[in-house]
Amino acid sequence: MSPNWKKFSILPALMLMAGTAAMAQSASSTTSTTTSTPDPSIAQRKENQQDRIANGVKSGQLTAGETANLETKEAAINGETKADRAANGGKLTAAEKTQVNGQQNKLSNQIYQDKHNAATQNYGKSEVGQRQENQQDRIAQGVKSGQLTAGETAKLENNQRAINQQVKADRSANGGKLTAGEKAQVNKEQNQQSKNIYNKKHNARTQPGTKPAPKK
């Protein structure tokens, strides 16, 4: 068999292989471009809202009750968005995007109003007050870092609100002070709250795009 014959007999096979590779690459490219990903504008909007809430908690502009209310609403929006995406192959329709944007606009207005009203969180310089403030700072850090979801934050802040209300009622009944027994009770409740904060910040649930924090 002559060398020229070998050359021309191999050429069609090489062309077929090249064509097959090109088709595979094209299919891979098409798959990657059609893979659904969350709308970056919606995801960024949610992150911005959470950062604003975290700043309000840290500064004391948002009370535990206000934060719980805001995060409950944020959790509801997140749940609705997740359900809509699941029903549409991972995407949101134009109408659903408009609806989410409208809901986020309302939440944004409420965040502003709650941060600028007369209700603020001032725990004072007492040991109990400093412990309460420390818990709020830890929650704010978890919201800011993405380790706490909106639902988790709402539950923690509802617990914190209950403790705050109990402390306020006890002080009102005792001339502005807490008895030794009341201080012990509050400390016990804050210990439980502290464990809850830690567990929720180190579980597998996080805000989108955030990696779970390792347990120490």
N, C-alpha and C. Protein backbone atom coordinates (compact mmCIF):
# COMPACT_ATOMS: atom_id res chain seq x y z
N MET A 1 0.86 -1.20 0.00
CA MET A 1 0.00 0.00 0.00
C MET A 1 0.89 1.23 0.00
N SER A 2 0.60 2.20 -0.87
CA SER A 2 1.46 3.38 -1.01
C SER A 2 1.20 4.35 0.14
N PRO A 3 2.21 5.16 0.49
CA PRO A 3 2.04 6.16 1.57
C PRO A 3 0.93 7.13 1.28
N ASN A 4 0.75 7.54 -0.02
CA ASN A 4 -0.30 8.50 -0.37
C ASN A 4 -1.69 7.91 -0.12
N TRP A 5 -1.85 6.64 -0.38
CA TRP A 5 -3.16 6.01 -0.17
C TRP A 5 -3.51 6.01 1.30
N LYS A 6 -2.47 5.70 2.14
CA LYS A 6 -2.70 5.69 3.59
C LYS A 6 -3.15 7.06 4.07
N LYS A 7 -2.47 8.09 3.53
CA LYS A 7 -2.77 9.46 3.96
C LYS A 7 -4.21 9.83 3.68
N PHE A 8 -4.68 9.51 2.46
CA PHE A 8 -6.04 9.90 2.10
C PHE A 8 -7.11 9.03 2.76
N SER A 9 -6.74 7.82 3.15
CA SER A 9 -7.72 6.96 3.83
C SER A 9 -7.91 7.38 5.28
N ILE A 10 -6.87 7.96 5.88
CA ILE A 10 -6.95 8.41 7.28
C ILE A 10 -7.67 9.74 7.40
N LEU A 11 -7.57 10.57 6.35
CA LEU A 11 -8.13 11.92 6.40
C LEU A 11 -9.62 11.95 6.74
N PRO A 12 -10.50 11.13 6.12
CA PRO A 12 -11.93 11.17 6.47
C PRO A 12 -12.18 10.83 7.94
N ALA A 13 -11.39 9.89 8.48
CA ALA A 13 -11.57 9.51 9.88
C ALA A 13 -11.25 10.67 10.80
N LEU A 14 -10.16 11.39 10.45
CA LEU A 14 -9.79 12.55 11.28
C LEU A 14 -10.85 13.63 11.22
N MET A 15 -11.42 13.85 10.05
CA MET A 15 -12.47 14.86 9.89
C MET A 15 -13.71 14.48 10.68
N LEU A 16 -14.03 13.17 10.69
CA LEU A 16 -15.20 12.70 11.45
C LEU A 16 -15.00 12.92 12.93
N MET A 17 -13.78 12.63 13.43
CA MET A 17 -13.49 12.82 14.85
C MET A 17 -13.57 14.29 15.23
N ALA A 18 -13.03 15.14 14.35
CA ALA A 18 -13.07 16.58 14.63
C ALA A 18 -14.49 17.09 14.67
N GLY A 19 -15.30 16.60 13.75
CA GLY A 19 -16.71 17.02 13.72
C GLY A 19 -17.45 16.58 14.96
N THR A 20 -17.18 15.36 15.41
CA THR A 20 -17.84 14.84 16.62
C THR A 20 -17.45 15.67 17.84
N ALA A 21 -16.16 16.01 17.92
CA ALA A 21 -15.68 16.83 19.07
C ALA A 21 -16.32 18.19 19.06
N ALA A 22 -16.46 18.78 17.85
CA ALA A 22 -17.07 20.11 17.76
C ALA A 22 -18.53 20.07 18.19
N MET A 23 -19.25 18.99 17.80
CA MET A 23 -20.65 18.86 18.20
C MET A 23 -20.77 18.72 19.70
N ALA A 24 -19.86 17.93 20.30
CA ALA A 24 -19.90 17.73 21.76
C ALA A 24 -19.65 19.04 22.49
N GLN A 25 -18.67 19.81 21.95
CA GLN A 25 -18.36 21.11 22.57
C GLN A 25 -19.53 22.06 22.46
N SER A 26 -20.20 22.04 21.30
CA SER A 26 -21.36 22.91 21.09
C SER A 26 -22.49 22.55 22.03
N ALA A 27 -22.70 21.23 22.21
CA ALA A 27 -23.77 20.77 23.11
C ALA A 27 -23.47 21.18 24.54
N SER A 28 -22.17 21.04 24.91
CA SER A 28 -21.77 21.43 26.27
C SER A 28 -21.97 22.92 26.49
N SER A 29 -21.62 23.71 25.45
CA SER A 29 -21.80 25.16 25.56
C SER A 29 -23.25 25.53 25.69
N THR A 30 -24.11 24.84 24.90
CA THR A 30 -25.54 25.12 24.96
C THR A 30 -26.10 24.78 26.32
N THR A 31 -25.64 23.63 26.89
CA THR A 31 -26.13 23.22 28.21
C THR A 31 -25.75 24.24 29.25
N SER A 32 -24.50 24.74 29.18
CA SER A 32 -24.05 25.69 30.20
C SER A 32 -24.79 27.01 30.10
N THR A 33 -25.19 27.40 28.89
CA THR A 33 -25.87 28.69 28.75
C THR A 33 -27.34 28.59 29.11
N THR A 34 -27.91 27.39 29.04
CA THR A 34 -29.32 27.26 29.36
C THR A 34 -29.55 26.83 30.81
N THR A 35 -28.46 26.51 31.54
CA THR A 35 -28.62 26.16 32.94
C THR A 35 -29.17 27.36 33.70
N SER A 36 -30.24 27.13 34.45
CA SER A 36 -30.91 28.24 35.14
C SER A 36 -30.10 28.67 36.35
N THR A 37 -29.97 29.97 36.52
CA THR A 37 -29.31 30.55 37.69
C THR A 37 -30.21 31.66 38.22
N PRO A 38 -30.16 31.88 39.55
CA PRO A 38 -30.99 32.92 40.13
C PRO A 38 -30.71 34.28 39.51
N ASP A 39 -31.75 35.07 39.37
CA ASP A 39 -31.62 36.42 38.82
C ASP A 39 -30.69 37.22 39.74
N PRO A 40 -29.54 37.70 39.22
CA PRO A 40 -28.58 38.40 40.09
C PRO A 40 -29.16 39.65 40.73
N SER A 41 -30.06 40.34 40.02
CA SER A 41 -30.62 41.57 40.57
C SER A 41 -31.50 41.28 41.78
N ILE A 42 -32.27 40.18 41.72
CA ILE A 42 -33.13 39.80 42.84
C ILE A 42 -32.29 39.32 44.01
N ALA A 43 -31.28 38.49 43.72
CA ALA A 43 -30.40 37.99 44.78
C ALA A 43 -29.66 39.13 45.47
N GLN A 44 -29.19 40.09 44.69
CA GLN A 44 -28.48 41.23 45.26
C GLN A 44 -29.39 42.11 46.09
N ARG A 45 -30.63 42.24 45.65
CA ARG A 45 -31.61 43.03 46.39
C ARG A 45 -31.87 42.41 47.77
N LYS A 46 -32.00 41.08 47.79
CA LYS A 46 -32.22 40.39 49.06
C LYS A 46 -31.02 40.59 49.99
N GLU A 47 -29.83 40.49 49.43
CA GLU A 47 -28.63 40.66 50.25
C GLU A 47 -28.56 42.08 50.81
N ASN A 48 -28.91 43.06 50.00
CA ASN A 48 -28.90 44.45 50.45
C ASN A 48 -29.88 44.66 51.60
N GLN A 49 -31.07 44.05 51.48
CA GLN A 49 -32.08 44.19 52.54
C GLN A 49 -31.55 43.59 53.84
N GLN A 50 -30.92 42.42 53.74
CA GLN A 50 -30.39 41.78 54.94
C GLN A 50 -29.28 42.60 55.58
N ASP A 51 -28.45 43.21 54.75
CA ASP A 51 -27.38 44.07 55.29
C ASP A 51 -27.97 45.27 56.03
N ARG A 52 -29.04 45.83 55.49
CA ARG A 52 -29.67 46.98 56.14
C ARG A 52 -30.29 46.58 57.48
N ILE A 53 -30.89 45.40 57.51
CA ILE A 53 -31.47 44.90 58.76
C ILE A 53 -30.36 44.65 59.78
N ALA A 54 -29.27 44.02 59.34
CA ALA A 54 -28.15 43.74 60.23
C ALA A 54 -27.59 45.02 60.82
N ASN A 55 -27.45 46.05 60.01
CA ASN A 55 -26.94 47.34 60.50
C ASN A 55 -27.89 47.95 61.52
N GLY A 56 -29.20 47.79 61.28
CA GLY A 56 -30.19 48.31 62.22
C GLY A 56 -30.16 47.60 63.55
N VAL A 57 -29.94 46.29 63.53
CA VAL A 57 -29.83 45.51 64.77
C VAL A 57 -28.58 45.93 65.53
N LYS A 58 -27.47 46.04 64.80
CA LYS A 58 -26.19 46.38 65.42
C LYS A 58 -26.22 47.77 66.05
N SER A 59 -26.86 48.71 65.37
CA SER A 59 -26.89 50.09 65.86
C SER A 59 -27.94 50.31 66.95
N GLY A 60 -28.87 49.38 67.09
CA GLY A 60 -29.95 49.55 68.05
C GLY A 60 -31.15 50.28 67.49
N GLN A 61 -31.10 50.63 66.19
CA GLN A 61 -32.24 51.31 65.55
C GLN A 61 -33.43 50.38 65.37
N LEU A 62 -33.15 49.08 65.29
CA LEU A 62 -34.23 48.11 65.18
C LEU A 62 -34.35 47.34 66.48
N THR A 63 -35.55 47.27 67.02
CA THR A 63 -35.79 46.47 68.21
C THR A 63 -35.88 45.00 67.81
N ALA A 64 -35.85 44.12 68.80
CA ALA A 64 -35.98 42.69 68.52
C ALA A 64 -37.32 42.39 67.85
N GLY A 65 -38.37 43.06 68.32
CA GLY A 65 -39.69 42.84 67.73
C GLY A 65 -39.77 43.32 66.29
N GLU A 66 -39.19 44.48 66.01
CA GLU A 66 -39.18 44.99 64.63
C GLU A 66 -38.38 44.07 63.70
N THR A 67 -37.24 43.61 64.21
CA THR A 67 -36.41 42.72 63.40
C THR A 67 -37.13 41.41 63.10
N ALA A 68 -37.79 40.85 64.11
CA ALA A 68 -38.54 39.60 63.92
C ALA A 68 -39.61 39.78 62.86
N ASN A 69 -40.31 40.91 62.90
CA ASN A 69 -41.37 41.19 61.93
C ASN A 69 -40.80 41.33 60.52
N LEU A 70 -39.70 42.07 60.39
CA LEU A 70 -39.08 42.26 59.08
C LEU A 70 -38.57 40.95 58.50
N GLU A 71 -37.94 40.14 59.34
CA GLU A 71 -37.37 38.89 58.85
C GLU A 71 -38.45 37.85 58.54
N THR A 72 -39.56 37.92 59.23
CA THR A 72 -40.68 37.04 58.90
C THR A 72 -41.19 37.34 57.50
N LYS A 73 -41.27 38.62 57.18
CA LYS A 73 -41.72 39.03 55.84
C LYS A 73 -40.68 38.65 54.78
N GLU A 74 -39.39 38.83 55.11
CA GLU A 74 -38.34 38.45 54.17
C GLU A 74 -38.37 36.95 53.91
N ALA A 75 -38.59 36.17 54.96
CA ALA A 75 -38.67 34.71 54.80
C ALA A 75 -39.84 34.32 53.91
N ALA A 76 -40.95 35.04 54.04
CA ALA A 76 -42.13 34.75 53.20
C ALA A 76 -41.83 35.05 51.73
N ILE A 77 -41.15 36.16 51.46
CA ILE A 77 -40.77 36.50 50.08
C ILE A 77 -39.83 35.44 49.51
N ASN A 78 -38.86 35.02 50.34
CA ASN A 78 -37.91 34.00 49.89
C ASN A 78 -38.61 32.68 49.58
N GLY A 79 -39.57 32.30 50.43
CA GLY A 79 -40.30 31.07 50.21
C GLY A 79 -41.13 31.12 48.94
N GLU A 80 -41.75 32.25 48.70
CA GLU A 80 -42.55 32.42 47.49
C GLU A 80 -41.67 32.38 46.23
N THR A 81 -40.51 33.03 46.30
CA THR A 81 -39.58 33.04 45.17
C THR A 81 -39.10 31.63 44.87
N LYS A 82 -38.78 30.88 45.91
CA LYS A 82 -38.31 29.50 45.74
C LYS A 82 -39.38 28.63 45.09
N ALA A 83 -40.63 28.80 45.52
CA ALA A 83 -41.72 28.02 44.94
C ALA A 83 -41.96 28.37 43.49
N ASP A 84 -41.88 29.66 43.17
CA ASP A 84 -42.07 30.10 41.78
C ASP A 84 -40.97 29.53 40.88
N ARG A 85 -39.75 29.54 41.35
CA ARG A 85 -38.65 28.99 40.55
C ARG A 85 -38.83 27.48 40.34
N ALA A 86 -39.26 26.79 41.39
CA ALA A 86 -39.45 25.34 41.29
C ALA A 86 -40.52 25.00 40.27
N ALA A 87 -41.50 25.88 40.11
CA ALA A 87 -42.60 25.63 39.18
C ALA A 87 -42.25 26.04 37.75
N ASN A 88 -41.13 26.73 37.56
CA ASN A 88 -40.78 27.23 36.23
C ASN A 88 -39.36 26.86 35.81
N GLY A 89 -38.93 25.66 36.20
CA GLY A 89 -37.62 25.20 35.77
C GLY A 89 -36.46 25.99 36.31
N GLY A 90 -36.63 26.57 37.48
CA GLY A 90 -35.54 27.33 38.11
C GLY A 90 -35.52 28.80 37.78
N LYS A 91 -36.49 29.27 37.01
CA LYS A 91 -36.51 30.68 36.61
C LYS A 91 -37.78 31.37 37.12
N LEU A 92 -37.75 32.69 37.07
CA LEU A 92 -38.92 33.49 37.39
C LEU A 92 -39.45 34.11 36.11
N THR A 93 -40.76 34.15 35.97
CA THR A 93 -41.35 34.82 34.82
C THR A 93 -41.23 36.33 35.03
N ALA A 94 -41.48 37.09 33.97
CA ALA A 94 -41.40 38.54 34.06
C ALA A 94 -42.39 39.06 35.10
N ALA A 95 -43.59 38.47 35.13
CA ALA A 95 -44.62 38.89 36.10
C ALA A 95 -44.18 38.59 37.53
N GLU A 96 -43.54 37.43 37.72
CA GLU A 96 -43.09 37.05 39.07
C GLU A 96 -41.95 37.97 39.53
N LYS A 97 -41.06 38.33 38.62
CA LYS A 97 -39.99 39.27 38.97
C LYS A 97 -40.57 40.62 39.39
N THR A 98 -41.60 41.06 38.66
CA THR A 98 -42.25 42.33 39.00
C THR A 98 -42.88 42.26 40.37
N GLN A 99 -43.51 41.12 40.66
CA GLN A 99 -44.18 40.95 41.96
C GLN A 99 -43.15 40.94 43.10
N VAL A 100 -42.05 40.20 42.91
CA VAL A 100 -41.01 40.16 43.94
C VAL A 100 -40.43 41.55 44.17
N ASN A 101 -40.20 42.27 43.08
CA ASN A 101 -39.66 43.63 43.19
C ASN A 101 -40.60 44.54 43.97
N GLY A 102 -41.90 44.40 43.72
CA GLY A 102 -42.89 45.19 44.47
C GLY A 102 -42.88 44.86 45.95
N GLN A 103 -42.76 43.57 46.27
CA GLN A 103 -42.72 43.14 47.67
C GLN A 103 -41.46 43.66 48.36
N GLN A 104 -40.34 43.62 47.63
CA GLN A 104 -39.10 44.12 48.20
C GLN A 104 -39.13 45.64 48.38
N ASN A 105 -39.84 46.33 47.50
CA ASN A 105 -40.01 47.78 47.67
C ASN A 105 -40.74 48.09 48.98
N LYS A 106 -41.81 47.34 49.25
CA LYS A 106 -42.58 47.54 50.48
C LYS A 106 -41.72 47.24 51.71
N LEU A 107 -40.96 46.13 51.62
CA LEU A 107 -40.11 45.77 52.74
C LEU A 107 -39.02 46.82 52.96
N SER A 108 -38.47 47.33 51.86
CA SER A 108 -37.46 48.38 51.96
C SER A 108 -38.00 49.61 52.68
N ASN A 109 -39.22 50.00 52.35
CA ASN A 109 -39.85 51.15 53.01
C ASN A 109 -40.05 50.89 54.49
N GLN A 110 -40.44 49.64 54.83
CA GLN A 110 -40.67 49.33 56.24
C GLN A 110 -39.37 49.32 57.01
N ILE A 111 -38.30 48.80 56.39
CA ILE A 111 -36.99 48.82 57.05
C ILE A 111 -36.61 50.26 57.39
N TYR A 112 -36.79 51.15 56.42
CA TYR A 112 -36.45 52.57 56.65
C TYR A 112 -37.29 53.16 57.78
N GLN A 113 -38.60 52.91 57.73
CA GLN A 113 -39.49 53.47 58.76
C GLN A 113 -39.15 52.93 60.14
N ASP A 114 -38.89 51.62 60.25
CA ASP A 114 -38.57 51.03 61.55
C ASP A 114 -37.23 51.54 62.09
N LYS A 115 -36.29 51.81 61.19
CA LYS A 115 -34.98 52.29 61.63
C LYS A 115 -34.99 53.76 62.00
N HIS A 116 -36.05 54.48 61.60
CA HIS A 116 -36.10 55.92 61.86
C HIS A 116 -37.28 56.34 62.73
N ASN A 117 -37.95 55.38 63.36
CA ASN A 117 -39.03 55.74 64.27
C ASN A 117 -38.48 55.96 65.68
N ALA A 118 -39.38 56.16 66.64
CA ALA A 118 -38.95 56.45 68.01
C ALA A 118 -38.52 55.21 68.78
N ALA A 119 -38.89 54.03 68.27
CA ALA A 119 -38.56 52.78 68.97
C ALA A 119 -37.12 52.39 68.69
N THR A 120 -36.32 52.31 69.73
CA THR A 120 -34.92 51.91 69.60
C THR A 120 -34.60 50.88 70.67
N GLN A 121 -33.48 50.21 70.49
CA GLN A 121 -33.07 49.18 71.45
C GLN A 121 -31.92 49.70 72.27
N ASN A 122 -32.18 50.00 73.55
CA ASN A 122 -31.14 50.50 74.46
C ASN A 122 -31.15 49.62 75.70
N TYR A 123 -30.11 48.80 75.85
CA TYR A 123 -30.10 47.82 76.94
C TYR A 123 -29.45 48.33 78.21
N GLY A 124 -28.80 49.48 78.14
CA GLY A 124 -28.18 50.01 79.34
C GLY A 124 -26.84 49.36 79.64
N LYS A 125 -26.25 49.72 80.77
CA LYS A 125 -24.90 49.28 81.12
C LYS A 125 -24.88 48.16 82.16
N SER A 126 -26.05 47.68 82.57
CA SER A 126 -26.07 46.61 83.56
C SER A 126 -25.56 45.31 82.94
N GLU A 127 -25.25 44.34 83.80
CA GLU A 127 -24.77 43.05 83.31
C GLU A 127 -25.80 42.38 82.41
N VAL A 128 -27.05 42.44 82.82
CA VAL A 128 -28.13 41.85 82.03
C VAL A 128 -28.26 42.59 80.70
N GLY A 129 -28.20 43.93 80.76
CA GLY A 129 -28.32 44.73 79.54
C GLY A 129 -27.19 44.47 78.56
N GLN A 130 -25.97 44.34 79.08
CA GLN A 130 -24.83 44.08 78.22
C GLN A 130 -24.92 42.70 77.57
N ARG A 131 -25.48 41.75 78.31
CA ARG A 131 -25.67 40.40 77.74
C ARG A 131 -26.69 40.46 76.60
N GLN A 132 -27.76 41.21 76.81
CA GLN A 132 -28.78 41.35 75.77
C GLN A 132 -28.19 42.00 74.52
N GLU A 133 -27.38 43.04 74.73
CA GLU A 133 -26.77 43.72 73.59
C GLU A 133 -25.80 42.81 72.86
N ASN A 134 -25.06 42.00 73.60
CA ASN A 134 -24.12 41.07 72.99
C ASN A 134 -24.83 40.04 72.11
N GLN A 135 -25.99 39.57 72.58
CA GLN A 135 -26.76 38.61 71.78
C GLN A 135 -27.21 39.26 70.47
N GLN A 136 -27.65 40.51 70.56
CA GLN A 136 -28.09 41.21 69.36
C GLN A 136 -26.94 41.42 68.37
N ASP A 137 -25.76 41.70 68.91
CA ASP A 137 -24.59 41.88 68.04
C ASP A 137 -24.25 40.58 67.32
N ARG A 138 -24.39 39.46 68.01
CA ARG A 138 -24.11 38.16 67.39
C ARG A 138 -25.13 37.84 66.29
N ILE A 139 -26.38 38.19 66.55
CA ILE A 139 -27.42 37.98 65.54
C ILE A 139 -27.14 38.85 64.33
N ALA A 140 -26.80 40.12 64.58
CA ALA A 140 -26.51 41.05 63.48
C ALA A 140 -25.36 40.53 62.63
N GLN A 141 -24.33 39.99 63.28
CA GLN A 141 -23.17 39.46 62.55
C GLN A 141 -23.58 38.27 61.69
N GLY A 142 -24.49 37.43 62.24
CA GLY A 142 -24.95 36.26 61.49
C GLY A 142 -25.77 36.64 60.27
N VAL A 143 -26.57 37.69 60.40
CA VAL A 143 -27.35 38.19 59.27
C VAL A 143 -26.42 38.78 58.22
N LYS A 144 -25.46 39.58 58.67
CA LYS A 144 -24.53 40.26 57.77
C LYS A 144 -23.68 39.26 56.99
N SER A 145 -23.23 38.20 57.67
CA SER A 145 -22.35 37.22 57.05
C SER A 145 -23.10 36.21 56.18
N GLY A 146 -24.43 36.14 56.37
CA GLY A 146 -25.22 35.17 55.62
C GLY A 146 -25.38 33.84 56.33
N GLN A 147 -24.82 33.70 57.54
CA GLN A 147 -24.93 32.45 58.28
C GLN A 147 -26.32 32.24 58.86
N LEU A 148 -27.08 33.32 59.03
CA LEU A 148 -28.45 33.21 59.52
C LEU A 148 -29.42 33.52 58.38
N THR A 149 -30.36 32.63 58.17
CA THR A 149 -31.39 32.90 57.18
C THR A 149 -32.43 33.84 57.78
N ALA A 150 -33.31 34.37 56.93
CA ALA A 150 -34.35 35.26 57.43
C ALA A 150 -35.25 34.55 58.44
N GLY A 151 -35.60 33.30 58.14
CA GLY A 151 -36.45 32.54 59.06
C GLY A 151 -35.79 32.29 60.39
N GLU A 152 -34.50 31.95 60.38
CA GLU A 152 -33.78 31.71 61.62
C GLU A 152 -33.68 32.99 62.44
N THR A 153 -33.41 34.10 61.78
CA THR A 153 -33.31 35.38 62.48
C THR A 153 -34.63 35.76 63.12
N ALA A 154 -35.73 35.52 62.40
CA ALA A 154 -37.05 35.84 62.94
C ALA A 154 -37.31 35.06 64.23
N LYS A 155 -36.96 33.77 64.24
CA LYS A 155 -37.17 32.95 65.44
C LYS A 155 -36.30 33.43 66.60
N LEU A 156 -35.04 33.73 66.31
CA LEU A 156 -34.14 34.21 67.37
C LEU A 156 -34.62 35.53 67.95
N GLU A 157 -35.07 36.42 67.08
CA GLU A 157 -35.51 37.73 67.55
C GLU A 157 -36.83 37.66 68.30
N ASN A 158 -37.67 36.70 67.94
CA ASN A 158 -38.90 36.50 68.72
C ASN A 158 -38.56 36.02 70.12
N ASN A 159 -37.56 35.13 70.23
CA ASN A 159 -37.10 34.69 71.54
C ASN A 159 -36.52 35.86 72.33
N GLN A 160 -35.71 36.68 71.65
CA GLN A 160 -35.08 37.81 72.32
C GLN A 160 -36.13 38.83 72.76
N ARG A 161 -37.14 39.03 71.95
CA ARG A 161 -38.22 39.95 72.32
C ARG A 161 -38.93 39.48 73.58
N ALA A 162 -39.17 38.17 73.68
CA ALA A 162 -39.83 37.63 74.87
C ALA A 162 -38.99 37.86 76.12
N ILE A 163 -37.68 37.66 76.00
CA ILE A 163 -36.78 37.90 77.15
C ILE A 163 -36.80 39.38 77.53
N ASN A 164 -36.72 40.24 76.52
CA ASN A 164 -36.73 41.68 76.78
C ASN A 164 -38.00 42.12 77.48
N GLN A 165 -39.14 41.59 77.04
CA GLN A 165 -40.42 41.95 77.65
C GLN A 165 -40.49 41.47 79.09
N GLN A 166 -39.93 40.29 79.35
CA GLN A 166 -39.93 39.77 80.71
C GLN A 166 -39.07 40.64 81.61
N VAL A 167 -37.90 41.03 81.12
CA VAL A 167 -37.00 41.90 81.90
C VAL A 167 -37.68 43.24 82.19
N LYS A 168 -38.34 43.79 81.20
CA LYS A 168 -39.02 45.07 81.36
C LYS A 168 -40.14 44.97 82.40
N ALA A 169 -40.91 43.90 82.33
CA ALA A 169 -42.01 43.70 83.28
C ALA A 169 -41.48 43.51 84.70
N ASP A 170 -40.41 42.74 84.83
CA ASP A 170 -39.83 42.50 86.16
C ASP A 170 -39.29 43.79 86.76
N ARG A 171 -38.64 44.59 85.93
CA ARG A 171 -38.11 45.86 86.43
C ARG A 171 -39.24 46.81 86.85
N SER A 172 -40.30 46.83 86.06
CA SER A 172 -41.45 47.70 86.39
C SER A 172 -42.07 47.31 87.71
N ALA A 173 -42.04 46.03 88.02
CA ALA A 173 -42.65 45.54 89.26
C ALA A 173 -41.74 45.70 90.47
N ASN A 174 -40.47 46.05 90.22
CA ASN A 174 -39.52 46.13 91.33
C ASN A 174 -38.74 47.45 91.34
N GLY A 175 -39.42 48.52 90.96
CA GLY A 175 -38.79 49.83 91.03
C GLY A 175 -37.62 50.01 90.08
N GLY A 176 -37.64 49.33 88.95
CA GLY A 176 -36.58 49.48 87.96
C GLY A 176 -35.42 48.52 88.12
N LYS A 177 -35.51 47.61 89.07
CA LYS A 177 -34.42 46.67 89.31
C LYS A 177 -34.91 45.22 89.14
N LEU A 178 -33.93 44.32 89.08
CA LEU A 178 -34.22 42.89 89.04
C LEU A 178 -33.76 42.25 90.34
N THR A 179 -34.56 41.34 90.84
CA THR A 179 -34.16 40.61 92.04
C THR A 179 -33.09 39.58 91.65
N ALA A 180 -32.42 39.00 92.63
CA ALA A 180 -31.41 37.98 92.37
C ALA A 180 -32.01 36.79 91.64
N GLY A 181 -33.22 36.41 92.04
CA GLY A 181 -33.89 35.29 91.38
C GLY A 181 -34.23 35.61 89.93
N GLU A 182 -34.66 36.85 89.67
CA GLU A 182 -34.99 37.26 88.31
C GLU A 182 -33.75 37.31 87.43
N LYS A 183 -32.65 37.79 88.00
CA LYS A 183 -31.39 37.83 87.24
C LYS A 183 -30.95 36.42 86.86
N ALA A 184 -31.10 35.48 87.80
CA ALA A 184 -30.72 34.09 87.53
C ALA A 184 -31.59 33.50 86.41
N GLN A 185 -32.89 33.83 86.45
CA GLN A 185 -33.81 33.33 85.44
C GLN A 185 -33.48 33.89 84.05
N VAL A 186 -33.20 35.19 84.00
CA VAL A 186 -32.86 35.82 82.73
C VAL A 186 -31.55 35.25 82.19
N ASN A 187 -30.58 35.03 83.09
CA ASN A 187 -29.30 34.47 82.67
C ASN A 187 -29.47 33.08 82.08
N LYS A 188 -30.35 32.29 82.67
CA LYS A 188 -30.63 30.95 82.16
C LYS A 188 -31.25 31.02 80.76
N GLU A 189 -32.18 31.94 80.59
CA GLU A 189 -32.83 32.10 79.28
C GLU A 189 -31.85 32.60 78.23
N GLN A 190 -30.94 33.49 78.63
CA GLN A 190 -29.94 34.00 77.71
C GLN A 190 -28.91 32.92 77.35
N ASN A 191 -28.63 32.01 78.28
CA ASN A 191 -27.75 30.89 77.96
C ASN A 191 -28.36 30.02 76.86
N GLN A 192 -29.65 29.77 76.98
CA GLN A 192 -30.35 28.98 75.96
C GLN A 192 -30.38 29.72 74.63
N GLN A 193 -30.62 31.02 74.71
CA GLN A 193 -30.62 31.83 73.49
C GLN A 193 -29.24 31.83 72.84
N SER A 194 -28.20 31.90 73.65
CA SER A 194 -26.84 31.88 73.13
C SER A 194 -26.56 30.58 72.36
N LYS A 195 -27.02 29.46 72.90
CA LYS A 195 -26.84 28.17 72.23
C LYS A 195 -27.62 28.13 70.91
N ASN A 196 -28.82 28.70 70.94
CA ASN A 196 -29.63 28.73 69.72
C ASN A 196 -28.94 29.55 68.62
N ILE A 197 -28.38 30.69 69.02
CA ILE A 197 -27.68 31.54 68.05
C ILE A 197 -26.51 30.77 67.44
N TYR A 198 -25.72 30.12 68.30
CA TYR A 198 -24.56 29.37 67.81
C TYR A 198 -24.99 28.26 66.86
N ASN A 199 -25.99 27.48 67.26
CA ASN A 199 -26.42 26.34 66.44
C ASN A 199 -26.95 26.79 65.08
N LYS A 200 -27.72 27.86 65.07
CA LYS A 200 -28.29 28.34 63.81
C LYS A 200 -27.22 28.96 62.91
N LYS A 201 -26.19 29.55 63.51
CA LYS A 201 -25.12 30.14 62.70
C LYS A 201 -24.16 29.08 62.16
N HIS A 202 -24.22 27.87 62.70
CA HIS A 202 -23.27 26.82 62.28
C HIS A 202 -23.96 25.59 61.71
N ASN A 203 -25.23 25.70 61.37
CA ASN A 203 -25.89 24.58 60.71
C ASN A 203 -25.71 24.69 59.19
N ALA A 204 -26.37 23.81 58.45
CA ALA A 204 -26.20 23.79 56.99
C ALA A 204 -27.02 24.85 56.27
N ARG A 205 -27.94 25.49 56.99
CA ARG A 205 -28.80 26.51 56.35
C ARG A 205 -28.12 27.86 56.36
N THR A 206 -28.00 28.46 55.19
CA THR A 206 -27.40 29.78 55.06
C THR A 206 -28.18 30.58 54.02
N GLN A 207 -27.88 31.86 53.94
CA GLN A 207 -28.41 32.66 52.85
C GLN A 207 -27.73 32.21 51.55
N PRO A 208 -28.41 32.37 50.40
CA PRO A 208 -27.83 31.94 49.12
C PRO A 208 -26.44 32.51 48.89
N GLY A 209 -25.53 31.62 48.46
CA GLY A 209 -24.17 32.06 48.15
C GLY A 209 -23.23 32.06 49.33
N THR A 210 -23.73 31.64 50.52
CA THR A 210 -22.90 31.63 51.72
C THR A 210 -22.57 30.19 52.10
N LYS A 211 -21.32 29.91 52.40
CA LYS A 211 -20.92 28.57 52.82
C LYS A 211 -21.19 28.39 54.31
N PRO A 212 -21.62 27.19 54.73
CA PRO A 212 -21.85 26.94 56.15
C PRO A 212 -20.58 27.18 56.95
N ALA A 213 -20.73 27.75 58.14
CA ALA A 213 -19.58 28.01 59.00
C ALA A 213 -19.19 26.73 59.72
N PRO A 214 -17.89 26.44 59.83
CA PRO A 214 -17.46 25.22 60.55
C PRO A 214 -17.70 25.37 62.04
N LYS A 215 -18.09 24.27 62.67
CA LYS A 215 -18.29 24.30 64.12
C LYS A 215 -16.94 24.25 64.83
N LYS A 216 -16.85 25.00 65.92
CA LYS A 216 -15.61 25.04 66.69
C LYS A 216 -15.66 24.03 67.82
